[in-house]
Amino acid sequence: MATMARQRPTGRLAEMLERPEDSLGFLLKQVHHLMRLGMESRMRAARTHMTHAHAVTLHSLLASPGASGAELARAATVTPQTMNSILVTLEQQGMITREPNSRHGRILATYVTEKGQRQFDAGVGAAEGFIEEMEASLTNAERRQLRRLLQRCLASLSAITGVEVERPIPVPTRPVLDKQASRRPKLDAATKRAARGATAKRRTT
């Protein structure tokens, strides 16, 4: 019985099989993997005691104080179980506090503590230095071009798969650290003097 000759792959598939190290998927995976390892190494060296997942979670909380575990899991694209494990660790380290949500008592609202803010700032500084070193061989124009090309790939993938691209959460310049801080904002010296003057004036009238 004659056997059918197997058709050899052609075009881009043949190139990927012959040189897998040049395939886009492999390169993106390796870049992500090594970036994550490198940033975690720098954060450990900065004595932040944070993993990449911890930093991402604190980032989300600084942007959205009081977020629930489910909301944080969606932002970090991890399972609720994984996020709960991350939150337990951060709480044990004193970087976050959790308390019942005022509107939904069964849901825990999460806030970043002063310690968590300091650790996050130190971790971001260490990670930024690492990324700068990674991009040192690129010109500013090449950096912008790389980002534009990746954004176009993301847009194409979103259109093909029907999956919406996740948007990063911007962290405000002066984030609210916790519930108590948002209730009692600190006043500068001039504001305090003006408040005391207004109080004294009301007492004399």
C-alpha atoms as a PDB file:
ATOM      1  CA  MET A   1       0.000   0.000   0.000  1.00  0.00           C
ATOM      2  CA  ALA A   2       1.503   3.272  -1.120  1.00  0.00           C
ATOM      3  CA  THR A   3       2.018   5.918   1.519  1.00  0.00           C
ATOM      4  CA  MET A   4       1.121   9.503   0.821  1.00  0.00           C
ATOM      5  CA  ALA A   5       4.028  11.895   0.742  1.00  0.00           C
ATOM      6  CA  ARG A   6       3.768  14.441   3.515  1.00  0.00           C
ATOM      7  CA  GLN A   7       3.577  17.953   2.168  1.00  0.00           C
ATOM      8  CA  ARG A   8       6.413  20.136   3.354  1.00  0.00           C
ATOM      9  CA  PRO A   9       5.385  23.415   4.994  1.00  0.00           C
ATOM     10  CA  THR A  10       6.065  26.516   2.975  1.00  0.00           C
ATOM     11  CA  GLY A  11       6.190  30.261   3.433  1.00  0.00           C
ATOM     12  CA  ARG A  12       6.220  31.785   6.889  1.00  0.00           C
ATOM     13  CA  LEU A  13       5.470  28.468   8.614  1.00  0.00           C
ATOM     14  CA  ALA A  14       8.568  26.907   7.029  1.00  0.00           C
ATOM     15  CA  GLU A  15      10.678  29.851   8.172  1.00  0.00           C
ATOM     16  CA  MET A  16       9.336  29.525  11.739  1.00  0.00           C
ATOM     17  CA  LEU A  17      10.123  25.798  11.833  1.00  0.00           C
ATOM     18  CA  GLU A  18      13.609  26.292  10.443  1.00  0.00           C
ATOM     19  CA  ARG A  19      14.457  29.261  12.654  1.00  0.00           C
ATOM     20  CA  PRO A  20      12.104  29.182  15.678  1.00  0.00           C
ATOM     21  CA  GLU A  21      14.336  31.638  17.540  1.00  0.00           C
ATOM     22  CA  ASP A  22      13.269  34.314  15.024  1.00  0.00           C
ATOM     23  CA  SER A  23       9.518  33.762  15.387  1.00  0.00           C
ATOM     24  CA  LEU A  24       7.535  36.673  16.817  1.00  0.00           C
ATOM     25  CA  GLY A  25       5.798  34.503  19.405  1.00  0.00           C
ATOM     26  CA  PHE A  26       9.089  33.151  20.744  1.00  0.00           C
ATOM     27  CA  LEU A  27      10.682  36.606  20.887  1.00  0.00           C
ATOM     28  CA  LEU A  28       7.714  38.179  22.684  1.00  0.00           C
ATOM     29  CA  LYS A  29       7.559  35.323  25.189  1.00  0.00           C
ATOM     30  CA  GLN A  30      11.274  35.537  25.941  1.00  0.00           C
ATOM     31  CA  VAL A  31      11.212  39.335  26.277  1.00  0.00           C
ATOM     32  CA  HIS A  32       8.297  39.148  28.729  1.00  0.00           C
ATOM     33  CA  HIS A  33       9.891  36.305  30.701  1.00  0.00           C
ATOM     34  CA  LEU A  34      13.318  37.941  31.021  1.00  0.00           C
ATOM     35  CA  MET A  35      11.848  41.377  31.770  1.00  0.00           C
ATOM     36  CA  ARG A  36       9.824  39.891  34.612  1.00  0.00           C
ATOM     37  CA  LEU A  37      12.821  38.006  36.021  1.00  0.00           C
ATOM     38  CA  GLY A  38      15.051  41.059  35.711  1.00  0.00           C
ATOM     39  CA  MET A  39      12.600  43.453  37.362  1.00  0.00           C
ATOM     40  CA  GLU A  40      11.988  41.051  40.248  1.00  0.00           C
ATOM     41  CA  SER A  41      15.750  40.694  40.730  1.00  0.00           C
ATOM     42  CA  ARG A  42      16.158  44.476  40.855  1.00  0.00           C
ATOM     43  CA  MET A  43      13.260  44.825  43.281  1.00  0.00           C
ATOM     44  CA  ARG A  44      14.825  42.236  45.577  1.00  0.00           C
ATOM     45  CA  ALA A  45      18.129  44.086  45.399  1.00  0.00           C
ATOM     46  CA  ALA A  46      16.257  47.257  46.418  1.00  0.00           C
ATOM     47  CA  ARG A  47      14.952  45.304  49.459  1.00  0.00           C
ATOM     48  CA  THR A  48      11.320  45.715  48.439  1.00  0.00           C
ATOM     49  CA  HIS A  49      10.465  42.019  48.989  1.00  0.00           C
ATOM     50  CA  MET A  50       7.991  42.203  46.099  1.00  0.00           C
ATOM     51  CA  THR A  51       7.301  39.999  43.127  1.00  0.00           C
ATOM     52  CA  HIS A  52       6.057  41.304  39.799  1.00  0.00           C
ATOM     53  CA  ALA A  53       2.526  40.215  40.757  1.00  0.00           C
ATOM     54  CA  HIS A  54       2.747  42.160  44.037  1.00  0.00           C
ATOM     55  CA  ALA A  55       3.875  45.301  42.202  1.00  0.00           C
ATOM     56  CA  VAL A  56       1.041  44.999  39.663  1.00  0.00           C
ATOM     57  CA  THR A  57      -1.498  44.612  42.485  1.00  0.00           C
ATOM     58  CA  LEU A  58      -0.208  47.652  44.366  1.00  0.00           C
ATOM     59  CA  HIS A  59      -0.268  49.613  41.110  1.00  0.00           C
ATOM     60  CA  SER A  60      -3.953  48.776  40.634  1.00  0.00           C
ATOM     61  CA  LEU A  61      -4.782  49.677  44.239  1.00  0.00           C
ATOM     62  CA  LEU A  62      -3.022  53.036  44.055  1.00  0.00           C
ATOM     63  CA  ALA A  63      -5.103  53.816  40.977  1.00  0.00           C
ATOM     64  CA  SER A  64      -8.342  52.426  42.476  1.00  0.00           C
ATOM     65  CA  PRO A  65      -8.281  52.533  46.311  1.00  0.00           C
ATOM     66  CA  GLY A  66     -10.844  50.210  47.872  1.00  0.00           C
ATOM     67  CA  ALA A  67     -10.939  47.783  44.937  1.00  0.00           C
ATOM     68  CA  SER A  68     -12.210  44.279  45.635  1.00  0.00           C
ATOM     69  CA  GLY A  69     -10.255  41.078  45.120  1.00  0.00           C
ATOM     70  CA  ALA A  70     -12.360  40.215  42.054  1.00  0.00           C
ATOM     71  CA  GLU A  71     -11.634  43.605  40.472  1.00  0.00           C
ATOM     72  CA  LEU A  72      -7.910  43.239  41.175  1.00  0.00           C
ATOM     73  CA  ALA A  73      -7.892  39.726  39.687  1.00  0.00           C
ATOM     74  CA  ARG A  74      -9.425  41.016  36.458  1.00  0.00           C
ATOM     75  CA  ALA A  75      -6.918  43.878  36.263  1.00  0.00           C
ATOM     76  CA  ALA A  76      -3.977  41.504  36.776  1.00  0.00           C
ATOM     77  CA  THR A  77      -5.479  38.795  34.510  1.00  0.00           C
ATOM     78  CA  VAL A  78      -5.146  36.112  37.194  1.00  0.00           C
ATOM     79  CA  THR A  79      -7.705  33.867  38.889  1.00  0.00           C
ATOM     80  CA  PRO A  80      -9.524  35.085  42.035  1.00  0.00           C
ATOM     81  CA  GLN A  81      -7.753  32.321  43.984  1.00  0.00           C
ATOM     82  CA  THR A  82      -4.331  33.537  42.849  1.00  0.00           C
ATOM     83  CA  MET A  83      -5.214  37.137  43.678  1.00  0.00           C
ATOM     84  CA  ASN A  84      -6.436  36.137  47.138  1.00  0.00           C
ATOM     85  CA  SER A  85      -3.060  34.493  47.790  1.00  0.00           C
ATOM     86  CA  ILE A  86      -1.282  37.685  46.661  1.00  0.00           C
ATOM     87  CA  LEU A  87      -3.472  39.838  48.923  1.00  0.00           C
ATOM     88  CA  VAL A  88      -2.890  37.579  51.936  1.00  0.00           C
ATOM     89  CA  THR A  89       0.876  37.922  51.468  1.00  0.00           C
ATOM     90  CA  LEU A  90       0.708  41.703  51.037  1.00  0.00           C
ATOM     91  CA  GLU A  91      -1.495  42.020  54.120  1.00  0.00           C
ATOM     92  CA  GLN A  92       0.892  39.905  56.203  1.00  0.00           C
ATOM     93  CA  GLN A  93       3.748  42.162  55.071  1.00  0.00           C
ATOM     94  CA  GLY A  94       1.815  45.252  56.170  1.00  0.00           C
ATOM     95  CA  MET A  95       1.564  46.692  52.641  1.00  0.00           C
ATOM     96  CA  ILE A  96      -2.236  46.672  52.433  1.00  0.00           C
ATOM     97  CA  THR A  97      -5.249  46.710  54.731  1.00  0.00           C
ATOM     98  CA  ARG A  98      -8.605  45.052  54.040  1.00  0.00           C
ATOM     99  CA  GLU A  99     -11.975  45.798  55.588  1.00  0.00           C
ATOM    100  CA  PRO A 100     -15.646  45.122  54.789  1.00  0.00           C
ATOM    101  CA  ASN A 101     -17.025  47.263  52.005  1.00  0.00           C
ATOM    102  CA  SER A 102     -19.425  49.905  53.362  1.00  0.00           C
ATOM    103  CA  ARG A 103     -22.063  48.995  50.749  1.00  0.00           C
ATOM    104  CA  HIS A 104     -21.423  45.261  50.459  1.00  0.00           C
ATOM    105  CA  GLY A 105     -20.333  43.859  53.815  1.00  0.00           C
ATOM    106  CA  ARG A 106     -19.306  40.476  52.408  1.00  0.00           C
ATOM    107  CA  ILE A 107     -16.842  42.097  49.992  1.00  0.00           C
ATOM    108  CA  LEU A 108     -13.472  43.252  51.337  1.00  0.00           C
ATOM    109  CA  ALA A 109     -12.214  46.653  50.195  1.00  0.00           C
ATOM    110  CA  THR A 110      -8.434  46.896  49.937  1.00  0.00           C
ATOM    111  CA  TYR A 111      -6.181  49.917  50.559  1.00  0.00           C
ATOM    112  CA  VAL A 112      -2.443  50.511  50.278  1.00  0.00           C
ATOM    113  CA  THR A 113      -0.659  51.449  53.509  1.00  0.00           C
ATOM    114  CA  GLU A 114       2.182  53.950  53.906  1.00  0.00           C
ATOM    115  CA  LYS A 115       4.615  51.028  53.944  1.00  0.00           C
ATOM    116  CA  GLY A 116       3.079  49.668  50.752  1.00  0.00           C
ATOM    117  CA  GLN A 117       3.458  53.062  49.082  1.00  0.00           C
ATOM    118  CA  ARG A 118       7.140  53.249  50.036  1.00  0.00           C
ATOM    119  CA  GLN A 119       7.802  49.706  48.843  1.00  0.00           C
ATOM    120  CA  PHE A 120       6.001  50.365  45.564  1.00  0.00           C
ATOM    121  CA  ASP A 121       7.947  53.581  44.927  1.00  0.00           C
ATOM    122  CA  ALA A 122      11.244  51.791  45.554  1.00  0.00           C
ATOM    123  CA  GLY A 123      10.210  48.880  43.332  1.00  0.00           C
ATOM    124  CA  VAL A 124       9.133  51.149  40.475  1.00  0.00           C
ATOM    125  CA  GLY A 125      12.440  53.003  40.652  1.00  0.00           C
ATOM    126  CA  ALA A 126      14.378  49.737  40.444  1.00  0.00           C
ATOM    127  CA  ALA A 127      12.230  48.457  37.556  1.00  0.00           C
ATOM    128  CA  GLU A 128      12.553  51.709  35.597  1.00  0.00           C
ATOM    129  CA  GLY A 129      16.333  51.520  35.845  1.00  0.00           C
ATOM    130  CA  PHE A 130      16.258  47.965  34.505  1.00  0.00           C
ATOM    131  CA  ILE A 131      14.034  48.920  31.555  1.00  0.00           C
ATOM    132  CA  GLU A 132      16.313  51.843  30.722  1.00  0.00           C
ATOM    133  CA  GLU A 133      19.260  49.436  30.549  1.00  0.00           C
ATOM    134  CA  MET A 134      17.270  47.051  28.347  1.00  0.00           C
ATOM    135  CA  GLU A 135      16.466  49.839  25.877  1.00  0.00           C
ATOM    136  CA  ALA A 136      19.931  51.416  25.983  1.00  0.00           C
ATOM    137  CA  SER A 137      20.874  49.966  22.585  1.00  0.00           C
ATOM    138  CA  LEU A 138      17.845  51.607  20.928  1.00  0.00           C
ATOM    139  CA  THR A 139      17.572  55.205  19.817  1.00  0.00           C
ATOM    140  CA  ASN A 140      14.579  57.261  20.938  1.00  0.00           C
ATOM    141  CA  ALA A 141      13.123  56.914  17.436  1.00  0.00           C
ATOM    142  CA  GLU A 142      13.552  53.129  17.545  1.00  0.00           C
ATOM    143  CA  ARG A 143      11.854  52.960  20.946  1.00  0.00           C
ATOM    144  CA  ARG A 144       8.845  54.862  19.610  1.00  0.00           C
ATOM    145  CA  GLN A 145       8.760  52.726  16.460  1.00  0.00           C
ATOM    146  CA  LEU A 146       8.884  49.499  18.489  1.00  0.00           C
ATOM    147  CA  ARG A 147       5.915  50.606  20.585  1.00  0.00           C
ATOM    148  CA  ARG A 148       3.926  51.679  17.512  1.00  0.00           C
ATOM    149  CA  LEU A 149       4.536  48.325  15.795  1.00  0.00           C
ATOM    150  CA  LEU A 150       3.501  46.346  18.877  1.00  0.00           C
ATOM    151  CA  GLN A 151       0.384  48.501  19.267  1.00  0.00           C
ATOM    152  CA  ARG A 152      -0.564  47.733  15.651  1.00  0.00           C
ATOM    153  CA  CYS A 153      -0.044  44.010  16.276  1.00  0.00           C
ATOM    154  CA  LEU A 154      -2.274  44.243  19.361  1.00  0.00           C
ATOM    155  CA  ALA A 155      -4.979  46.035  17.385  1.00  0.00           C
ATOM    156  CA  SER A 156      -4.864  43.364  14.690  1.00  0.00           C
ATOM    157  CA  LEU A 157      -5.009  40.546  17.230  1.00  0.00           C
ATOM    158  CA  SER A 158      -7.968  42.205  18.958  1.00  0.00           C
ATOM    159  CA  ALA A 159      -9.826  42.505  15.654  1.00  0.00           C
ATOM    160  CA  ILE A 160      -9.073  38.889  14.689  1.00  0.00           C
ATOM    161  CA  THR A 161      -9.955  37.300  18.032  1.00  0.00           C
ATOM    162  CA  GLY A 162     -12.708  39.673  19.111  1.00  0.00           C
ATOM    163  CA  VAL A 163     -10.960  40.097  22.472  1.00  0.00           C
ATOM    164  CA  GLU A 164     -10.652  43.665  23.720  1.00  0.00           C
ATOM    165  CA  VAL A 165      -7.126  44.826  24.535  1.00  0.00           C
ATOM    166  CA  GLU A 166      -6.589  45.468  28.251  1.00  0.00           C
ATOM    167  CA  ARG A 167      -5.865  49.110  28.998  1.00  0.00           C
ATOM    168  CA  PRO A 168      -3.248  49.968  31.645  1.00  0.00           C
ATOM    169  CA  ILE A 169      -4.476  51.787  34.737  1.00  0.00           C
ATOM    170  CA  PRO A 170      -2.782  55.169  35.237  1.00  0.00           C
ATOM    171  CA  VAL A 171      -1.605  55.908  38.773  1.00  0.00           C
ATOM    172  CA  PRO A 172      -2.359  59.485  39.942  1.00  0.00           C
ATOM    173  CA  THR A 173       0.561  61.723  40.844  1.00  0.00           C
ATOM    174  CA  ARG A 174      -0.604  61.950  44.466  1.00  0.00           C
ATOM    175  CA  PRO A 175      -2.510  58.687  45.069  1.00  0.00           C
ATOM    176  CA  VAL A 176      -4.855  58.202  47.996  1.00  0.00           C
ATOM    177  CA  LEU A 177      -3.098  55.754  50.298  1.00  0.00           C
ATOM    178  CA  ASP A 178      -5.972  54.552  52.421  1.00  0.00           C
ATOM    179  CA  LYS A 179      -9.490  55.285  53.570  1.00  0.00           C
ATOM    180  CA  GLN A 180      -8.407  57.330  56.559  1.00  0.00           C
ATOM    181  CA  ALA A 181      -6.066  59.447  54.458  1.00  0.00           C
ATOM    182  CA  SER A 182      -8.867  60.244  52.021  1.00  0.00           C
ATOM    183  CA  ARG A 183     -11.097  61.364  54.882  1.00  0.00           C
ATOM    184  CA  ARG A 184      -8.471  63.547  56.521  1.00  0.00           C
ATOM    185  CA  PRO A 185      -6.451  65.273  53.800  1.00  0.00           C
ATOM    186  CA  LYS A 186      -3.331  67.039  55.032  1.00  0.00           C
ATOM    187  CA  LEU A 187      -3.395  70.825  54.901  1.00  0.00           C
ATOM    188  CA  ASP A 188      -0.422  73.021  54.156  1.00  0.00           C
ATOM    189  CA  ALA A 189       0.679  75.745  56.594  1.00  0.00           C
ATOM    190  CA  ALA A 190      -1.061  78.600  54.750  1.00  0.00           C
ATOM    191  CA  THR A 191      -4.361  76.727  54.641  1.00  0.00           C
ATOM    192  CA  LYS A 192      -4.123  75.924  58.340  1.00  0.00           C
ATOM    193  CA  ARG A 193      -3.499  79.604  59.206  1.00  0.00           C
ATOM    194  CA  ALA A 194      -6.463  80.673  57.075  1.00  0.00           C
ATOM    195  CA  ALA A 195      -8.686  78.068  58.756  1.00  0.00           C
ATOM    196  CA  ARG A 196      -7.619  79.228  62.250  1.00  0.00           C
ATOM    197  CA  GLY A 197      -8.274  82.834  61.264  1.00  0.00           C
ATOM    198  CA  ALA A 198     -11.754  82.002  59.996  1.00  0.00           C
ATOM    199  CA  THR A 199     -12.534  80.105  63.191  1.00  0.00           C
ATOM    200  CA  ALA A 200     -11.360  83.001  65.368  1.00  0.00           C
ATOM    201  CA  LYS A 201     -13.423  85.473  63.351  1.00  0.00           C
ATOM    202  CA  ARG A 202     -16.582  83.377  63.800  1.00  0.00           C
ATOM    203  CA  ARG A 203     -15.996  83.260  67.554  1.00  0.00           C
ATOM    204  CA  THR A 204     -15.722  87.074  67.834  1.00  0.00           C
ATOM    205  CA  THR A 205     -18.861  87.780  65.761  1.00  0.00           C
END
